[in-house]
Amino acid sequence: MTLTKIEEGVDEGEVLYHSYIRKSAEELVELRTELLDRKKLKERRRKENERRVIQRLKAIADERAAWERSFEQERQKIIDRQRAVTGEEDDGRSERRDRLLNNQRKFVSSEQLEIYYEGWV
């Protein structure tokens, strides 16, 4: 059994020794600079991707908050109209109105939304 190759790290580091291939000093310097450039590029891409993911999740949260506000405004309009028609002065929590509002509220749960957007992350 003979030693063929010694590499720094696992499949991504610099080759410290190879029994078949000999490199000159210039080639080694060039390989080291290329390795550093690749690592910098990889880190830059990772950070950019992370920034995009955060931006996308913030946009989703903002859309959801806007939808919630809109839903609450619409709900209040329905309650006010119902009060005007019936003359009731209760808190607007009658069972029929709640059923009507829940039927109008057609959105996915936050868990379903997270599962849906996991593929984008």
Protein backbone atom coordinates (compact mmCIF):
# COMPACT_ATOMS: atom_id res chain seq x y z
CA MET A 1 0.00 0.00 0.00
CA THR A 2 1.37 3.41 -0.95
CA LEU A 3 0.42 6.97 -0.10
CA THR A 4 -1.01 8.68 -3.17
CA LYS A 5 -2.47 11.99 -2.05
CA ILE A 6 -2.65 14.24 1.03
CA GLU A 7 -5.28 16.95 0.92
CA GLU A 8 -6.12 19.73 3.37
CA GLY A 9 -9.77 19.40 4.37
CA VAL A 10 -12.15 17.01 2.69
CA ASP A 11 -12.53 17.44 -1.10
CA GLU A 12 -12.11 21.20 -0.96
CA GLY A 13 -8.70 21.99 0.46
CA GLU A 14 -5.27 22.38 -1.00
CA VAL A 15 -3.40 19.26 -2.13
CA LEU A 16 -0.35 19.05 0.11
CA TYR A 17 1.24 16.01 -1.51
CA HIS A 18 0.55 13.93 -4.60
CA SER A 19 2.75 11.04 -5.65
CA TYR A 20 1.93 11.32 -9.40
CA ILE A 21 1.67 15.08 -9.94
CA ARG A 22 4.43 17.61 -9.27
CA LYS A 23 3.66 21.34 -9.41
CA SER A 24 6.01 24.27 -9.72
CA ALA A 25 6.03 27.12 -7.20
CA GLU A 26 4.20 29.41 -9.65
CA GLU A 27 1.48 26.82 -10.20
CA LEU A 28 1.04 26.41 -6.43
CA VAL A 29 0.70 30.18 -5.94
CA GLU A 30 -1.85 30.34 -8.76
CA LEU A 31 -3.86 27.44 -7.31
CA ARG A 32 -3.87 29.05 -3.85
CA THR A 33 -5.16 32.35 -5.22
CA GLU A 34 -7.85 30.53 -7.21
CA LEU A 35 -8.87 28.63 -4.08
CA LEU A 36 -9.16 31.88 -2.10
CA ASP A 37 -11.16 33.49 -4.90
CA ARG A 38 -13.55 30.53 -5.01
CA LYS A 39 -14.04 30.65 -1.23
CA LYS A 40 -14.74 34.41 -1.34
CA LEU A 41 -17.20 33.95 -4.19
CA LYS A 42 -18.95 31.13 -2.36
CA GLU A 43 -19.27 33.25 0.80
CA ARG A 44 -20.54 36.26 -1.20
CA ARG A 45 -23.18 34.10 -2.91
CA ARG A 46 -24.25 32.61 0.41
CA LYS A 47 -24.71 36.07 1.94
CA GLU A 48 -26.59 37.34 -1.11
CA ASN A 49 -28.90 34.34 -1.03
CA GLU A 50 -29.51 34.82 2.68
CA ARG A 51 -30.34 38.51 2.07
CA ARG A 52 -32.82 37.56 -0.67
CA VAL A 53 -34.51 34.98 1.57
CA ILE A 54 -34.90 37.51 4.39
CA GLN A 55 -36.26 40.09 1.95
CA ARG A 56 -38.77 37.58 0.55
CA LEU A 57 -39.95 36.52 4.01
CA LYS A 58 -40.38 40.15 5.07
CA ALA A 59 -42.45 40.82 1.95
CA ILE A 60 -44.63 37.81 2.74
CA ALA A 61 -45.09 38.99 6.33
CA ASP A 62 -45.99 42.50 5.12
CA GLU A 63 -48.53 41.12 2.65
CA ARG A 64 -50.07 38.98 5.34
CA ALA A 65 -50.26 41.93 7.77
CA ALA A 66 -51.90 44.08 5.08
CA TRP A 67 -54.37 41.30 4.36
CA GLU A 68 -55.16 40.97 8.08
CA ARG A 69 -55.81 44.73 8.35
CA SER A 70 -58.02 44.63 5.27
CA PHE A 71 -59.90 41.64 6.63
CA GLU A 72 -60.47 43.34 9.98
CA GLN A 73 -61.76 46.50 8.25
CA GLU A 74 -64.16 44.44 6.13
CA ARG A 75 -65.27 42.55 9.21
CA GLN A 76 -66.00 45.80 11.02
CA LYS A 77 -68.00 47.09 8.03
CA ILE A 78 -70.14 43.95 8.07
CA ILE A 79 -70.70 44.28 11.82
CA ASP A 80 -71.66 47.95 11.46
CA ARG A 81 -74.09 47.17 8.61
CA GLN A 82 -75.65 44.38 10.65
CA ARG A 83 -76.05 46.68 13.64
CA ALA A 84 -77.65 49.34 11.45
CA VAL A 85 -80.16 46.83 10.04
CA THR A 86 -81.05 45.06 13.28
CA GLY A 87 -80.53 47.92 15.69
CA GLU A 88 -78.40 45.69 17.91
CA GLU A 89 -75.77 47.19 20.16
CA ASP A 90 -73.92 43.97 21.07
CA ASP A 91 -70.25 43.38 20.41
CA GLY A 92 -70.94 41.88 16.96
CA ARG A 93 -70.11 38.31 17.89
CA SER A 94 -73.29 36.60 16.88
CA GLU A 95 -72.82 33.08 15.66
CA ARG A 96 -74.24 33.76 12.20
CA ARG A 97 -71.93 36.72 11.56
CA ASP A 98 -68.91 34.78 12.72
CA ARG A 99 -69.79 31.98 10.33
CA LEU A 100 -70.18 34.47 7.50
CA LEU A 101 -66.84 36.09 8.28
CA ASN A 102 -65.05 32.76 8.56
CA ASN A 103 -66.43 31.74 5.17
CA GLN A 104 -65.00 34.92 3.67
CA ARG A 105 -61.63 34.37 5.28
CA LYS A 106 -59.95 32.16 2.70
CA PHE A 107 -56.24 32.07 3.43
CA VAL A 108 -53.80 29.39 4.36
CA SER A 109 -52.50 28.96 7.87
CA SER A 110 -49.03 30.22 8.73
CA GLU A 111 -47.80 26.61 8.91
CA GLN A 112 -49.03 25.93 5.37
CA LEU A 113 -47.42 29.16 4.20
CA GLU A 114 -44.07 28.15 5.74
CA ILE A 115 -44.26 24.73 4.10
CA TYR A 116 -45.08 26.33 0.75
CA TYR A 117 -42.17 28.74 0.90
CA GLU A 118 -39.65 26.17 2.16
CA GLY A 119 -39.02 25.22 -1.45
CA TRP A 120 -37.96 28.82 -2.19
CA VAL A 121 -35.47 29.04 0.63
